Amino acid sequence: VIMNIIMFIQYDNITIVGCMLIMSHGIMALEAFLFYRRFKITLVGFIVAMIWAFHNDIIDYVFMQYPYYDFIESHLASVAYLAFWLSVIPLLLYLIRLKQCKTFDHS
């Protein structure tokens, strides 16, 4: 979402693909916030989420399999760094919630 908005500003051009990516990724982020309290928090879930998130970042920015935009090519290090932290932050929130669940789970 952030990358597409910056790209729109930089190129002064709004594309249908960029709008679709903003809407689809924005809705997925909104879903995560809406369902956050309903997620079953487990250590296995954390490990699967961690592997999935970092695998995605590695495929995108190590093997260069991201959607091609001139913007990404010219700012690859910054975009990859932002993607990394956008993967770490939800995992940290999940880990905090896992710790809270284990603190109060006496079973």
N, C-alpha and C. Protein backbone atom coordinates (compact mmCIF):
# COMPACT_ATOMS: atom_id res chain seq x y z
N VAL A 1 0.84 -1.18 0.00
CA VAL A 1 0.00 0.00 0.00
C VAL A 1 0.88 1.24 0.00
N ILE A 2 1.84 1.28 0.91
CA ILE A 2 2.74 2.44 1.00
C ILE A 2 3.52 2.61 -0.29
N MET A 3 4.06 1.51 -0.81
CA MET A 3 4.86 1.57 -2.02
C MET A 3 4.04 2.10 -3.19
N ASN A 4 2.82 1.66 -3.35
CA ASN A 4 1.99 2.11 -4.46
C ASN A 4 1.61 3.58 -4.33
N ILE A 5 1.33 4.02 -3.12
CA ILE A 5 1.01 5.44 -2.93
C ILE A 5 2.23 6.31 -3.26
N ILE A 6 3.40 5.90 -2.80
CA ILE A 6 4.62 6.65 -3.11
C ILE A 6 4.86 6.64 -4.62
N MET A 7 4.62 5.51 -5.27
CA MET A 7 4.80 5.42 -6.71
C MET A 7 3.83 6.35 -7.45
N PHE A 8 2.59 6.41 -7.00
CA PHE A 8 1.63 7.33 -7.62
C PHE A 8 2.13 8.77 -7.52
N ILE A 9 2.64 9.12 -6.36
CA ILE A 9 3.13 10.49 -6.15
C ILE A 9 4.37 10.75 -7.00
N GLN A 10 5.31 9.82 -7.00
CA GLN A 10 6.57 10.02 -7.73
C GLN A 10 6.34 10.14 -9.23
N TYR A 11 5.49 9.28 -9.80
CA TYR A 11 5.27 9.29 -11.24
C TYR A 11 4.08 10.13 -11.67
N ASP A 12 3.37 10.69 -10.70
CA ASP A 12 2.19 11.51 -10.99
C ASP A 12 1.23 10.76 -11.92
N ASN A 13 1.04 9.47 -11.63
CA ASN A 13 0.21 8.62 -12.47
C ASN A 13 -0.43 7.55 -11.59
N ILE A 14 -1.74 7.42 -11.68
CA ILE A 14 -2.47 6.40 -10.93
C ILE A 14 -2.86 5.30 -11.90
N THR A 15 -2.48 4.06 -11.56
CA THR A 15 -2.78 2.93 -12.44
C THR A 15 -3.84 2.03 -11.81
N ILE A 16 -4.55 1.31 -12.67
CA ILE A 16 -5.58 0.39 -12.17
C ILE A 16 -4.95 -0.75 -11.38
N VAL A 17 -3.79 -1.24 -11.81
CA VAL A 17 -3.10 -2.31 -11.08
C VAL A 17 -2.68 -1.81 -9.70
N GLY A 18 -2.15 -0.60 -9.63
CA GLY A 18 -1.76 -0.02 -8.35
C GLY A 18 -2.95 0.14 -7.42
N CYS A 19 -4.08 0.59 -7.96
CA CYS A 19 -5.30 0.75 -7.15
C CYS A 19 -5.78 -0.60 -6.64
N MET A 20 -5.74 -1.63 -7.51
CA MET A 20 -6.15 -2.98 -7.10
C MET A 20 -5.25 -3.50 -5.99
N LEU A 21 -3.93 -3.28 -6.11
CA LEU A 21 -3.01 -3.74 -5.09
C LEU A 21 -3.23 -3.00 -3.76
N ILE A 22 -3.50 -1.71 -3.83
CA ILE A 22 -3.79 -0.94 -2.61
C ILE A 22 -5.05 -1.49 -1.94
N MET A 23 -6.10 -1.70 -2.73
CA MET A 23 -7.35 -2.18 -2.15
C MET A 23 -7.20 -3.59 -1.58
N SER A 24 -6.59 -4.50 -2.34
CA SER A 24 -6.50 -5.88 -1.86
C SER A 24 -5.60 -6.00 -0.63
N HIS A 25 -4.45 -5.34 -0.64
CA HIS A 25 -3.56 -5.40 0.52
C HIS A 25 -4.13 -4.62 1.71
N GLY A 26 -4.78 -3.51 1.43
CA GLY A 26 -5.41 -2.74 2.50
C GLY A 26 -6.52 -3.52 3.19
N ILE A 27 -7.31 -4.23 2.40
CA ILE A 27 -8.39 -5.06 2.97
C ILE A 27 -7.81 -6.21 3.79
N MET A 28 -6.72 -6.82 3.30
CA MET A 28 -6.10 -7.90 4.08
C MET A 28 -5.57 -7.38 5.41
N ALA A 29 -4.99 -6.19 5.42
CA ALA A 29 -4.50 -5.60 6.67
C ALA A 29 -5.68 -5.30 7.60
N LEU A 30 -6.75 -4.77 7.06
CA LEU A 30 -7.95 -4.49 7.86
C LEU A 30 -8.52 -5.78 8.45
N GLU A 31 -8.55 -6.86 7.67
CA GLU A 31 -9.01 -8.15 8.18
C GLU A 31 -8.16 -8.62 9.35
N ALA A 32 -6.86 -8.43 9.25
CA ALA A 32 -5.97 -8.84 10.35
C ALA A 32 -6.33 -8.11 11.63
N PHE A 33 -6.59 -6.80 11.53
CA PHE A 33 -6.98 -6.04 12.72
C PHE A 33 -8.35 -6.47 13.25
N LEU A 34 -9.29 -6.74 12.34
CA LEU A 34 -10.63 -7.14 12.77
C LEU A 34 -10.65 -8.51 13.45
N PHE A 35 -9.84 -9.44 12.96
CA PHE A 35 -9.84 -10.79 13.50
C PHE A 35 -8.77 -11.04 14.55
N TYR A 36 -7.95 -10.05 14.83
CA TYR A 36 -6.81 -10.22 15.74
C TYR A 36 -7.22 -10.85 17.07
N ARG A 37 -8.28 -10.38 17.67
CA ARG A 37 -8.71 -10.89 18.98
C ARG A 37 -9.29 -12.30 18.90
N ARG A 38 -9.68 -12.73 17.71
CA ARG A 38 -10.28 -14.06 17.54
C ARG A 38 -9.25 -15.13 17.17
N PHE A 39 -8.02 -14.72 16.86
CA PHE A 39 -6.99 -15.69 16.48
C PHE A 39 -6.67 -16.61 17.65
N LYS A 40 -6.54 -17.90 17.36
CA LYS A 40 -6.07 -18.84 18.36
C LYS A 40 -4.55 -18.70 18.40
N ILE A 41 -4.02 -18.35 19.53
CA ILE A 41 -2.60 -18.06 19.68
C ILE A 41 -1.87 -19.30 20.18
N THR A 42 -0.97 -19.83 19.34
CA THR A 42 -0.18 -21.01 19.72
C THR A 42 1.26 -20.80 19.25
N LEU A 43 2.16 -21.54 19.85
CA LEU A 43 3.56 -21.49 19.44
C LEU A 43 3.72 -22.01 18.01
N VAL A 44 3.00 -23.06 17.67
CA VAL A 44 3.05 -23.60 16.31
C VAL A 44 2.57 -22.55 15.31
N GLY A 45 1.50 -21.87 15.65
CA GLY A 45 0.99 -20.80 14.79
C GLY A 45 2.01 -19.70 14.59
N PHE A 46 2.71 -19.34 15.66
CA PHE A 46 3.76 -18.32 15.57
C PHE A 46 4.87 -18.77 14.64
N ILE A 47 5.30 -20.02 14.77
CA ILE A 47 6.39 -20.53 13.94
C ILE A 47 5.98 -20.57 12.46
N VAL A 48 4.76 -21.03 12.19
CA VAL A 48 4.27 -21.07 10.81
C VAL A 48 4.18 -19.66 10.23
N ALA A 49 3.64 -18.71 11.01
CA ALA A 49 3.54 -17.33 10.54
C ALA A 49 4.92 -16.73 10.29
N MET A 50 5.87 -17.00 11.16
CA MET A 50 7.23 -16.48 11.01
C MET A 50 7.87 -17.02 9.73
N ILE A 51 7.77 -18.34 9.53
CA ILE A 51 8.34 -18.95 8.32
C ILE A 51 7.69 -18.36 7.07
N TRP A 52 6.36 -18.25 7.09
CA TRP A 52 5.64 -17.73 5.93
C TRP A 52 6.05 -16.29 5.62
N ALA A 53 6.10 -15.44 6.62
CA ALA A 53 6.41 -14.03 6.39
C ALA A 53 7.83 -13.84 5.87
N PHE A 54 8.79 -14.49 6.50
CA PHE A 54 10.17 -14.31 6.07
C PHE A 54 10.46 -15.03 4.75
N HIS A 55 9.81 -16.16 4.51
CA HIS A 55 9.94 -16.83 3.22
C HIS A 55 9.46 -15.90 2.11
N ASN A 56 8.33 -15.24 2.32
CA ASN A 56 7.80 -14.31 1.34
C ASN A 56 8.79 -13.17 1.07
N ASP A 57 9.36 -12.60 2.13
CA ASP A 57 10.33 -11.51 1.96
C ASP A 57 11.59 -11.98 1.23
N ILE A 58 12.04 -13.19 1.53
CA ILE A 58 13.23 -13.73 0.86
C ILE A 58 12.95 -13.95 -0.62
N ILE A 59 11.80 -14.55 -0.93
CA ILE A 59 11.45 -14.76 -2.34
C ILE A 59 11.36 -13.42 -3.06
N ASP A 60 10.72 -12.43 -2.44
CA ASP A 60 10.56 -11.12 -3.08
C ASP A 60 11.88 -10.39 -3.28
N TYR A 61 12.70 -10.28 -2.23
CA TYR A 61 13.82 -9.35 -2.27
C TYR A 61 15.20 -9.99 -2.35
N VAL A 62 15.31 -11.30 -2.16
CA VAL A 62 16.58 -11.98 -2.40
C VAL A 62 16.57 -12.59 -3.80
N PHE A 63 15.45 -13.26 -4.15
CA PHE A 63 15.33 -13.86 -5.47
C PHE A 63 14.66 -12.93 -6.49
N MET A 64 14.36 -11.70 -6.07
CA MET A 64 13.82 -10.64 -6.94
C MET A 64 12.55 -11.07 -7.69
N GLN A 65 11.59 -11.62 -6.96
CA GLN A 65 10.35 -12.08 -7.57
C GLN A 65 9.17 -11.16 -7.25
N TYR A 66 9.43 -9.92 -6.92
CA TYR A 66 8.37 -8.95 -6.63
C TYR A 66 7.79 -8.43 -7.94
N PRO A 67 6.58 -7.83 -7.89
CA PRO A 67 6.04 -7.22 -9.12
C PRO A 67 6.99 -6.11 -9.59
N TYR A 68 7.23 -6.05 -10.86
CA TYR A 68 8.21 -5.09 -11.38
C TYR A 68 7.62 -3.69 -11.46
N TYR A 69 8.29 -2.77 -10.81
CA TYR A 69 8.03 -1.34 -10.92
C TYR A 69 9.39 -0.66 -10.97
N ASP A 70 9.51 0.36 -11.79
CA ASP A 70 10.76 1.13 -11.81
C ASP A 70 11.07 1.67 -10.42
N PHE A 71 10.00 2.04 -9.71
CA PHE A 71 10.18 2.61 -8.36
C PHE A 71 10.92 1.64 -7.45
N ILE A 72 10.55 0.37 -7.50
CA ILE A 72 11.19 -0.62 -6.62
C ILE A 72 12.66 -0.76 -7.00
N GLU A 73 12.94 -0.83 -8.28
CA GLU A 73 14.33 -0.97 -8.72
C GLU A 73 15.20 0.16 -8.19
N SER A 74 14.68 1.38 -8.22
CA SER A 74 15.49 2.52 -7.80
C SER A 74 15.55 2.69 -6.28
N HIS A 75 14.71 1.99 -5.54
CA HIS A 75 14.68 2.09 -4.08
C HIS A 75 14.64 0.71 -3.42
N LEU A 76 15.29 -0.27 -4.06
CA LEU A 76 15.16 -1.66 -3.61
C LEU A 76 15.55 -1.87 -2.16
N ALA A 77 16.65 -1.31 -1.72
CA ALA A 77 17.09 -1.51 -0.33
C ALA A 77 16.07 -0.95 0.65
N SER A 78 15.54 0.23 0.38
CA SER A 78 14.54 0.84 1.28
C SER A 78 13.24 0.05 1.30
N VAL A 79 12.79 -0.39 0.14
CA VAL A 79 11.55 -1.16 0.06
C VAL A 79 11.71 -2.51 0.77
N ALA A 80 12.84 -3.17 0.56
CA ALA A 80 13.09 -4.45 1.23
C ALA A 80 13.16 -4.27 2.75
N TYR A 81 13.82 -3.20 3.20
CA TYR A 81 13.92 -2.93 4.63
C TYR A 81 12.54 -2.67 5.23
N LEU A 82 11.72 -1.89 4.55
CA LEU A 82 10.36 -1.63 5.01
C LEU A 82 9.55 -2.92 5.05
N ALA A 83 9.68 -3.75 4.02
CA ALA A 83 8.96 -5.03 3.99
C ALA A 83 9.38 -5.92 5.15
N PHE A 84 10.67 -5.93 5.45
CA PHE A 84 11.17 -6.72 6.58
C PHE A 84 10.48 -6.29 7.88
N TRP A 85 10.45 -4.98 8.15
CA TRP A 85 9.85 -4.50 9.40
C TRP A 85 8.34 -4.66 9.40
N LEU A 86 7.72 -4.61 8.23
CA LEU A 86 6.28 -4.86 8.17
C LEU A 86 5.97 -6.34 8.38
N SER A 87 6.97 -7.20 8.29
CA SER A 87 6.82 -8.61 8.66
C SER A 87 7.12 -8.82 10.14
N VAL A 88 8.10 -8.10 10.67
CA VAL A 88 8.51 -8.28 12.06
C VAL A 88 7.45 -7.75 13.03
N ILE A 89 6.88 -6.60 12.76
CA ILE A 89 5.95 -5.96 13.71
C ILE A 89 4.75 -6.86 14.02
N PRO A 90 4.03 -7.41 13.03
CA PRO A 90 2.92 -8.32 13.38
C PRO A 90 3.38 -9.56 14.14
N LEU A 91 4.56 -10.07 13.79
CA LEU A 91 5.06 -11.24 14.51
C LEU A 91 5.36 -10.90 15.97
N LEU A 92 5.88 -9.71 16.22
CA LEU A 92 6.11 -9.29 17.60
C LEU A 92 4.78 -9.16 18.36
N LEU A 93 3.77 -8.60 17.70
CA LEU A 93 2.44 -8.50 18.34
C LEU A 93 1.88 -9.89 18.65
N TYR A 94 2.07 -10.82 17.72
CA TYR A 94 1.63 -12.19 17.93
C TYR A 94 2.37 -12.83 19.09
N LEU A 95 3.69 -12.60 19.15
CA LEU A 95 4.50 -13.15 20.24
C LEU A 95 4.09 -12.59 21.59
N ILE A 96 3.80 -11.30 21.64
CA ILE A 96 3.33 -10.66 22.88
C ILE A 96 2.01 -11.29 23.31
N ARG A 97 1.12 -11.48 22.35
CA ARG A 97 -0.18 -12.09 22.66
C ARG A 97 0.00 -13.54 23.10
N LEU A 98 0.94 -14.27 22.48
CA LEU A 98 1.23 -15.65 22.88
C LEU A 98 1.69 -15.69 24.33
N LYS A 99 2.57 -14.76 24.70
CA LYS A 99 3.07 -14.71 26.07
C LYS A 99 1.93 -14.39 27.05
N GLN A 100 1.04 -13.47 26.67
CA GLN A 100 -0.09 -13.13 27.54
C GLN A 100 -1.01 -14.33 27.72
N CYS A 101 -1.25 -15.08 26.64
CA CYS A 101 -2.13 -16.26 26.72
C CYS A 101 -1.50 -17.32 27.61
N LYS A 102 -0.21 -17.53 27.53
CA LYS A 102 0.47 -18.53 28.35
C LYS A 102 0.52 -18.10 29.81
N THR A 103 0.57 -16.79 30.06
CA THR A 103 0.61 -16.28 31.42
C THR A 103 -0.69 -16.62 32.16
N PHE A 104 -1.81 -16.52 31.44
CA PHE A 104 -3.09 -16.73 32.10
C PHE A 104 -3.70 -18.10 31.83
N ASP A 105 -3.02 -18.92 31.05
CA ASP A 105 -3.53 -20.25 30.74
C ASP A 105 -2.89 -21.24 31.73
N HIS A 106 -3.69 -21.75 32.66
CA HIS A 106 -3.17 -22.64 33.69
C HIS A 106 -3.44 -24.10 33.38
N SER A 107 -3.82 -24.40 32.13
CA SER A 107 -4.13 -25.80 31.81
C SER A 107 -2.91 -26.55 31.32
